[in-house]
């Protein structure tokens, strides 16, 4: 596979049945035609060639699965959650962080997903996210 993405899902699908005869290289990190040809030969002979950045991303994704919570959030998502914990609306968060309201909405949905907060009829995900934030802040 020759890709521009380090997406763990792609790598896991490729490696699902083992690493023998498999390669996952990143387009922008191939330095020469000889390097690419060597990788193809290695894979054709049953070896494997996986870009170190892909391996790093797999390890990072795996550790986030084991440790759900604030550690899985990007720095921007953490900032937005901290603003939420202050009781701010999306428009107030957008103004404070100099982003659009739509960006705040996208980050908020990502926060909900990463914290495992699904939509439930009688539960406010925003409040639950803030409670997770506050409980993990107390543990520090």
N, C-alpha and C. Protein backbone atom coordinates (compact mmCIF):
# COMPACT_ATOMS: atom_id res chain seq x y z
N UNK A 1 0.85 -1.16 0.00
CA UNK A 1 0.00 0.00 0.00
C UNK A 1 0.90 1.23 0.00
N UNK A 2 0.57 2.14 -0.85
CA UNK A 2 1.27 3.42 -0.92
C UNK A 2 0.20 4.47 -0.63
N UNK A 3 0.37 5.20 0.46
CA UNK A 3 -0.68 6.10 0.91
C UNK A 3 -0.11 7.43 1.38
N UNK A 4 -1.00 8.38 1.53
CA UNK A 4 -0.61 9.65 2.13
C UNK A 4 -1.10 9.73 3.57
N UNK A 5 -1.78 8.68 4.04
CA UNK A 5 -2.38 8.67 5.36
C UNK A 5 -1.72 7.65 6.29
N UNK A 6 -1.63 8.00 7.56
CA UNK A 6 -1.13 7.06 8.57
C UNK A 6 -2.29 6.47 9.36
N UNK A 7 -3.46 6.40 8.74
CA UNK A 7 -4.68 5.96 9.42
C UNK A 7 -4.54 4.54 9.97
N UNK A 8 -4.74 4.37 11.28
CA UNK A 8 -4.64 3.04 11.87
C UNK A 8 -5.60 2.03 11.24
N UNK A 9 -6.77 2.48 10.84
CA UNK A 9 -7.74 1.56 10.23
C UNK A 9 -7.22 0.93 8.96
N UNK A 10 -6.54 1.71 8.12
CA UNK A 10 -5.96 1.19 6.89
C UNK A 10 -4.89 0.15 7.21
N UNK A 11 -4.03 0.50 8.15
CA UNK A 11 -2.93 -0.40 8.50
C UNK A 11 -3.46 -1.70 9.11
N UNK A 12 -4.45 -1.60 9.98
CA UNK A 12 -5.01 -2.81 10.59
C UNK A 12 -5.67 -3.70 9.55
N UNK A 13 -6.38 -3.10 8.59
CA UNK A 13 -7.00 -3.89 7.53
C UNK A 13 -5.93 -4.60 6.70
N UNK A 14 -4.85 -3.90 6.39
CA UNK A 14 -3.77 -4.49 5.60
C UNK A 14 -3.10 -5.64 6.35
N UNK A 15 -2.90 -5.47 7.64
CA UNK A 15 -2.14 -6.43 8.43
C UNK A 15 -3.01 -7.46 9.16
N UNK A 16 -4.31 -7.44 8.85
CA UNK A 16 -5.27 -8.30 9.54
C UNK A 16 -4.87 -9.77 9.54
N UNK A 17 -4.30 -10.25 8.45
CA UNK A 17 -3.94 -11.67 8.34
C UNK A 17 -2.43 -11.87 8.37
N UNK A 18 -1.72 -10.96 9.01
CA UNK A 18 -0.28 -11.09 9.14
C UNK A 18 0.46 -10.02 8.36
N UNK A 19 1.76 -9.95 8.60
CA UNK A 19 2.57 -8.90 7.96
C UNK A 19 3.39 -9.43 6.78
N UNK A 20 3.45 -10.72 6.61
CA UNK A 20 4.25 -11.30 5.53
C UNK A 20 3.69 -10.89 4.17
N UNK A 21 4.59 -10.38 3.34
CA UNK A 21 4.18 -9.97 2.00
C UNK A 21 3.35 -8.71 1.98
N UNK A 22 3.53 -7.86 2.99
CA UNK A 22 2.74 -6.64 3.09
C UNK A 22 3.65 -5.43 3.24
N UNK A 23 3.21 -4.33 2.68
CA UNK A 23 3.95 -3.08 2.80
C UNK A 23 2.99 -1.91 2.96
N UNK A 24 3.38 -0.95 3.76
CA UNK A 24 2.58 0.26 3.96
C UNK A 24 3.57 1.42 4.02
N UNK A 25 3.67 2.13 2.90
CA UNK A 25 4.62 3.23 2.81
C UNK A 25 3.86 4.54 2.62
N UNK A 26 4.46 5.60 3.07
CA UNK A 26 3.87 6.93 2.92
C UNK A 26 4.51 7.63 1.73
N UNK A 27 3.67 8.13 0.85
CA UNK A 27 4.14 8.75 -0.39
C UNK A 27 5.22 9.80 -0.16
N UNK A 28 4.95 10.70 0.79
CA UNK A 28 5.87 11.82 0.97
C UNK A 28 7.19 11.43 1.62
N UNK A 29 7.28 10.19 2.11
CA UNK A 29 8.51 9.78 2.79
C UNK A 29 9.38 8.87 1.94
N UNK A 30 8.98 8.61 0.72
CA UNK A 30 9.80 7.80 -0.18
C UNK A 30 10.82 8.73 -0.82
N UNK A 31 12.08 8.46 -0.55
CA UNK A 31 13.13 9.36 -0.98
C UNK A 31 13.60 9.17 -2.41
N UNK A 32 13.41 7.96 -2.94
CA UNK A 32 13.92 7.71 -4.30
C UNK A 32 13.20 6.52 -4.93
N UNK A 33 13.36 6.42 -6.23
CA UNK A 33 12.80 5.28 -6.96
C UNK A 33 13.44 3.98 -6.48
N UNK A 34 14.73 4.04 -6.19
CA UNK A 34 15.45 2.85 -5.71
C UNK A 34 14.87 2.37 -4.37
N UNK A 35 14.53 3.31 -3.52
CA UNK A 35 13.95 2.96 -2.23
C UNK A 35 12.60 2.26 -2.42
N UNK A 36 11.77 2.80 -3.30
CA UNK A 36 10.47 2.19 -3.58
C UNK A 36 10.65 0.80 -4.21
N UNK A 37 11.55 0.69 -5.17
CA UNK A 37 11.80 -0.59 -5.83
C UNK A 37 12.29 -1.63 -4.82
N UNK A 38 13.15 -1.22 -3.91
CA UNK A 38 13.65 -2.13 -2.87
C UNK A 38 12.52 -2.61 -1.97
N UNK A 39 11.62 -1.71 -1.62
CA UNK A 39 10.49 -2.08 -0.78
C UNK A 39 9.59 -3.07 -1.51
N UNK A 40 9.36 -2.84 -2.78
CA UNK A 40 8.52 -3.75 -3.59
C UNK A 40 9.16 -5.13 -3.66
N UNK A 41 10.47 -5.18 -3.86
CA UNK A 41 11.17 -6.46 -3.91
C UNK A 41 11.05 -7.20 -2.57
N UNK A 42 11.22 -6.48 -1.47
CA UNK A 42 11.12 -7.09 -0.15
C UNK A 42 9.74 -7.71 0.07
N UNK A 43 8.70 -6.96 -0.29
CA UNK A 43 7.33 -7.45 -0.13
C UNK A 43 7.09 -8.65 -1.05
N UNK A 44 7.57 -8.57 -2.29
CA UNK A 44 7.38 -9.66 -3.26
C UNK A 44 8.05 -10.95 -2.78
N UNK A 45 9.12 -10.83 -2.01
CA UNK A 45 9.83 -12.00 -1.49
C UNK A 45 9.24 -12.48 -0.16
N UNK A 46 8.10 -11.89 0.24
CA UNK A 46 7.44 -12.34 1.46
C UNK A 46 7.77 -11.54 2.70
N UNK A 47 8.60 -10.54 2.56
CA UNK A 47 8.95 -9.71 3.71
C UNK A 47 7.88 -8.65 3.94
N UNK A 48 8.18 -7.75 4.84
CA UNK A 48 7.25 -6.65 5.09
C UNK A 48 8.03 -5.35 5.24
N UNK A 49 7.38 -4.27 4.79
CA UNK A 49 7.99 -2.94 4.89
C UNK A 49 6.89 -2.01 5.38
N UNK A 50 7.05 -1.52 6.60
CA UNK A 50 6.05 -0.63 7.20
C UNK A 50 6.77 0.65 7.63
N UNK A 51 6.26 1.79 7.16
CA UNK A 51 6.87 3.07 7.53
C UNK A 51 6.79 3.25 9.06
N UNK A 52 7.86 3.71 9.69
CA UNK A 52 7.85 3.90 11.14
C UNK A 52 6.73 4.83 11.64
N UNK A 53 6.34 5.81 10.83
CA UNK A 53 5.24 6.69 11.25
C UNK A 53 3.93 5.94 11.34
N UNK A 54 3.74 4.96 10.48
CA UNK A 54 2.53 4.13 10.53
C UNK A 54 2.54 3.29 11.81
N UNK A 55 3.70 2.73 12.13
CA UNK A 55 3.83 1.95 13.36
C UNK A 55 3.55 2.84 14.57
N UNK A 56 4.11 4.04 14.58
CA UNK A 56 3.87 4.98 15.69
C UNK A 56 2.38 5.26 15.85
N UNK A 57 1.68 5.45 14.74
CA UNK A 57 0.25 5.75 14.78
C UNK A 57 -0.55 4.56 15.29
N UNK A 58 -0.15 3.35 14.91
CA UNK A 58 -0.81 2.15 15.42
C UNK A 58 -0.63 2.02 16.93
N UNK A 59 0.58 2.27 17.40
CA UNK A 59 0.85 2.19 18.84
C UNK A 59 0.05 3.25 19.59
N UNK A 60 0.02 4.45 19.05
CA UNK A 60 -0.72 5.54 19.68
C UNK A 60 -2.22 5.21 19.74
N UNK A 61 -2.77 4.70 18.65
CA UNK A 61 -4.18 4.33 18.62
C UNK A 61 -4.48 3.23 19.62
N UNK A 62 -3.57 2.28 19.72
CA UNK A 62 -3.75 1.17 20.66
C UNK A 62 -3.73 1.66 22.10
N UNK A 63 -2.82 2.56 22.43
CA UNK A 63 -2.74 3.07 23.81
C UNK A 63 -3.96 3.92 24.14
N UNK A 64 -4.51 4.62 23.15
CA UNK A 64 -5.72 5.41 23.39
C UNK A 64 -6.92 4.52 23.64
N UNK A 65 -6.96 3.33 23.00
CA UNK A 65 -8.04 2.39 23.24
C UNK A 65 -8.02 1.91 24.68
N UNK A 66 -6.83 1.71 25.20
CA UNK A 66 -6.69 1.22 26.57
C UNK A 66 -6.92 2.31 27.59
N UNK A 67 -6.69 3.55 27.23
CA UNK A 67 -6.82 4.66 28.16
C UNK A 67 -7.80 5.70 27.62
N UNK A 68 -9.10 5.36 27.59
CA UNK A 68 -10.04 6.36 27.09
C UNK A 68 -10.08 7.54 28.05
N UNK A 69 -10.41 8.65 27.55
CA UNK A 69 -10.49 9.82 28.39
C UNK A 69 -9.78 11.00 27.79
N UNK A 70 -9.38 11.89 28.64
CA UNK A 70 -8.79 13.14 28.18
C UNK A 70 -7.51 12.93 27.39
N UNK A 71 -6.78 11.87 27.65
CA UNK A 71 -5.52 11.65 26.93
C UNK A 71 -5.75 11.40 25.45
N UNK A 72 -6.96 11.02 25.07
CA UNK A 72 -7.24 10.76 23.66
C UNK A 72 -7.62 12.03 22.89
N UNK A 73 -7.80 13.14 23.60
CA UNK A 73 -8.20 14.39 22.95
C UNK A 73 -7.00 15.13 22.37
N UNK A 74 -7.23 15.82 21.26
CA UNK A 74 -6.21 16.69 20.69
C UNK A 74 -6.07 17.91 21.59
N UNK A 75 -4.99 18.67 21.48
CA UNK A 75 -4.87 19.88 22.29
C UNK A 75 -6.05 20.85 22.08
N UNK A 76 -6.52 21.00 20.85
CA UNK A 76 -7.66 21.90 20.59
C UNK A 76 -8.93 21.38 21.26
N UNK A 77 -9.16 20.07 21.18
CA UNK A 77 -10.34 19.49 21.82
C UNK A 77 -10.28 19.69 23.33
N UNK A 78 -9.09 19.55 23.90
CA UNK A 78 -8.94 19.76 25.34
C UNK A 78 -9.24 21.21 25.71
N UNK A 79 -8.80 22.14 24.86
CA UNK A 79 -9.11 23.56 25.10
C UNK A 79 -10.61 23.81 25.06
N UNK A 80 -11.27 23.22 24.10
CA UNK A 80 -12.71 23.41 23.95
C UNK A 80 -13.45 22.80 25.14
N UNK A 81 -13.02 21.63 25.58
CA UNK A 81 -13.65 21.01 26.75
C UNK A 81 -13.43 21.85 28.00
N UNK A 82 -12.26 22.43 28.14
CA UNK A 82 -12.00 23.31 29.29
C UNK A 82 -12.91 24.54 29.26
N UNK A 83 -13.16 25.07 28.07
CA UNK A 83 -14.08 26.21 27.93
C UNK A 83 -15.51 25.77 28.24
N UNK A 84 -15.88 24.58 27.81
CA UNK A 84 -17.21 24.03 28.14
C UNK A 84 -17.39 23.93 29.64
N UNK A 85 -16.33 23.49 30.32
CA UNK A 85 -16.39 23.31 31.77
C UNK A 85 -16.61 24.63 32.50
N UNK A 86 -16.34 25.74 31.82
CA UNK A 86 -16.60 27.07 32.39
C UNK A 86 -18.04 27.51 32.13
N UNK A 87 -18.81 26.65 31.44
CA UNK A 87 -20.21 26.95 31.17
C UNK A 87 -20.44 27.76 29.92
N UNK A 88 -19.44 27.88 29.06
CA UNK A 88 -19.56 28.71 27.87
C UNK A 88 -20.36 28.01 26.77
N UNK A 89 -21.08 28.80 26.01
CA UNK A 89 -21.80 28.31 24.83
C UNK A 89 -20.82 28.13 23.68
N UNK A 90 -21.28 27.49 22.61
CA UNK A 90 -20.41 27.32 21.44
C UNK A 90 -19.95 28.66 20.87
N UNK A 91 -20.84 29.64 20.85
CA UNK A 91 -20.44 30.95 20.30
C UNK A 91 -19.42 31.63 21.21
N UNK A 92 -19.56 31.48 22.51
CA UNK A 92 -18.58 32.06 23.43
C UNK A 92 -17.23 31.34 23.33
N UNK A 93 -17.27 30.02 23.15
CA UNK A 93 -16.03 29.26 22.98
C UNK A 93 -15.34 29.68 21.68
N UNK A 94 -16.12 29.81 20.62
CA UNK A 94 -15.57 30.22 19.32
C UNK A 94 -14.88 31.57 19.44
N UNK A 95 -15.52 32.51 20.14
CA UNK A 95 -14.94 33.85 20.30
C UNK A 95 -13.66 33.79 21.13
N UNK A 96 -13.66 32.99 22.19
CA UNK A 96 -12.50 32.91 23.07
C UNK A 96 -11.29 32.27 22.38
N UNK A 97 -11.55 31.31 21.49
CA UNK A 97 -10.45 30.58 20.85
C UNK A 97 -10.19 31.02 19.41
N UNK A 98 -10.91 32.03 18.97
CA UNK A 98 -10.74 32.58 17.62
C UNK A 98 -10.94 31.53 16.53
N UNK A 99 -12.02 30.77 16.66
CA UNK A 99 -12.42 29.79 15.65
C UNK A 99 -13.89 30.01 15.34
N UNK A 100 -14.39 29.31 14.33
CA UNK A 100 -15.81 29.43 13.99
C UNK A 100 -16.65 28.55 14.91
N UNK A 101 -17.94 28.88 14.98
CA UNK A 101 -18.85 28.04 15.76
C UNK A 101 -18.90 26.64 15.18
N UNK A 102 -18.85 26.54 13.86
CA UNK A 102 -18.88 25.23 13.20
C UNK A 102 -17.67 24.39 13.63
N UNK A 103 -16.51 25.03 13.76
CA UNK A 103 -15.32 24.31 14.22
C UNK A 103 -15.52 23.80 15.64
N UNK A 104 -16.13 24.63 16.48
CA UNK A 104 -16.41 24.21 17.86
C UNK A 104 -17.36 23.01 17.85
N UNK A 105 -18.38 23.05 17.00
CA UNK A 105 -19.33 21.94 16.90
C UNK A 105 -18.63 20.66 16.47
N UNK A 106 -17.75 20.75 15.48
CA UNK A 106 -17.02 19.57 15.01
C UNK A 106 -16.14 19.00 16.12
N UNK A 107 -15.42 19.87 16.80
CA UNK A 107 -14.56 19.41 17.89
C UNK A 107 -15.39 18.81 19.03
N UNK A 108 -16.53 19.41 19.31
CA UNK A 108 -17.40 18.91 20.38
C UNK A 108 -17.89 17.50 20.04
N UNK A 109 -18.29 17.28 18.79
CA UNK A 109 -18.72 15.93 18.39
C UNK A 109 -17.58 14.94 18.48
N UNK A 110 -16.38 15.37 18.15
CA UNK A 110 -15.22 14.50 18.27
C UNK A 110 -14.94 14.17 19.74
N UNK A 111 -15.09 15.16 20.60
CA UNK A 111 -14.91 14.95 22.05
C UNK A 111 -15.90 13.90 22.54
N UNK A 112 -17.17 14.04 22.14
CA UNK A 112 -18.19 13.08 22.56
C UNK A 112 -17.81 11.67 22.11
N UNK A 113 -17.36 11.54 20.86
CA UNK A 113 -17.00 10.23 20.33
C UNK A 113 -15.81 9.64 21.09
N UNK A 114 -14.77 10.45 21.31
CA UNK A 114 -13.57 9.94 21.98
C UNK A 114 -13.83 9.58 23.43
N UNK A 115 -14.77 10.26 24.05
CA UNK A 115 -15.09 9.96 25.45
C UNK A 115 -16.17 8.88 25.56
N UNK A 116 -16.63 8.37 24.42
CA UNK A 116 -17.63 7.31 24.42
C UNK A 116 -19.01 7.76 24.87
N UNK A 117 -19.34 9.00 24.58
CA UNK A 117 -20.62 9.56 25.01
C UNK A 117 -21.62 9.52 23.85
N UNK A 118 -22.43 8.49 23.83
CA UNK A 118 -23.42 8.37 22.77
C UNK A 118 -24.66 9.17 23.13
N UNK A 119 -25.48 9.44 22.12
CA UNK A 119 -26.71 10.18 22.36
C UNK A 119 -27.70 9.31 23.11
N UNK A 120 -28.21 9.83 24.20
CA UNK A 120 -29.23 9.14 24.99
C UNK A 120 -30.35 10.13 25.23
N UNK A 121 -31.55 9.62 25.28
CA UNK A 121 -32.74 10.46 25.37
C UNK A 121 -32.72 11.40 26.57
N UNK A 122 -32.37 10.90 27.73
CA UNK A 122 -32.47 11.68 28.95
C UNK A 122 -31.13 12.15 29.51
N UNK A 123 -30.09 12.15 28.67
CA UNK A 123 -28.77 12.52 29.16
C UNK A 123 -28.18 13.61 28.27
N UNK A 124 -27.58 14.61 28.88
CA UNK A 124 -26.93 15.69 28.15
C UNK A 124 -25.45 15.34 28.02
N UNK A 125 -25.02 15.07 26.78
CA UNK A 125 -23.62 14.67 26.55
C UNK A 125 -22.64 15.77 26.95
N UNK A 126 -23.04 17.00 26.77
CA UNK A 126 -22.16 18.12 27.12
C UNK A 126 -21.86 18.12 28.62
N UNK A 127 -22.88 17.89 29.41
CA UNK A 127 -22.70 17.83 30.87
C UNK A 127 -21.84 16.63 31.24
N UNK A 128 -22.10 15.48 30.60
CA UNK A 128 -21.29 14.30 30.89
C UNK A 128 -19.82 14.51 30.53
N UNK A 129 -19.57 15.18 29.40
CA UNK A 129 -18.18 15.46 29.00
C UNK A 129 -17.50 16.34 30.03
N UNK A 130 -18.20 17.34 30.52
CA UNK A 130 -17.64 18.23 31.55
C UNK A 130 -17.38 17.46 32.82
N UNK A 131 -18.26 16.54 33.18
CA UNK A 131 -18.04 15.73 34.38
C UNK A 131 -16.79 14.85 34.24
N UNK A 132 -16.58 14.29 33.06
CA UNK A 132 -15.36 13.51 32.82
C UNK A 132 -14.14 14.42 32.97
N UNK A 133 -14.22 15.59 32.38
CA UNK A 133 -13.13 16.57 32.45
C UNK A 133 -12.81 16.91 33.91
N UNK A 134 -13.85 17.25 34.67
CA UNK A 134 -13.64 17.65 36.07
C UNK A 134 -13.11 16.50 36.92
N UNK A 135 -13.61 15.29 36.69
CA UNK A 135 -13.14 14.15 37.50
C UNK A 135 -11.69 13.83 37.19
N UNK A 136 -11.28 13.95 35.93
CA UNK A 136 -9.89 13.66 35.58
C UNK A 136 -8.96 14.80 36.00
N UNK A 137 -9.48 16.01 36.08
CA UNK A 137 -8.67 17.13 36.58
C UNK A 137 -8.38 16.95 38.07
N UNK A 138 -9.34 16.41 38.81
CA UNK A 138 -9.14 16.19 40.24
C UNK A 138 -8.11 15.10 40.50
N UNK A 139 -8.02 14.11 39.58
CA UNK A 139 -7.06 13.02 39.74
C UNK A 139 -5.62 13.47 39.54
N UNK A 140 -5.43 14.59 38.86
CA UNK A 140 -4.07 15.07 38.55
C UNK A 140 -3.46 15.71 39.70
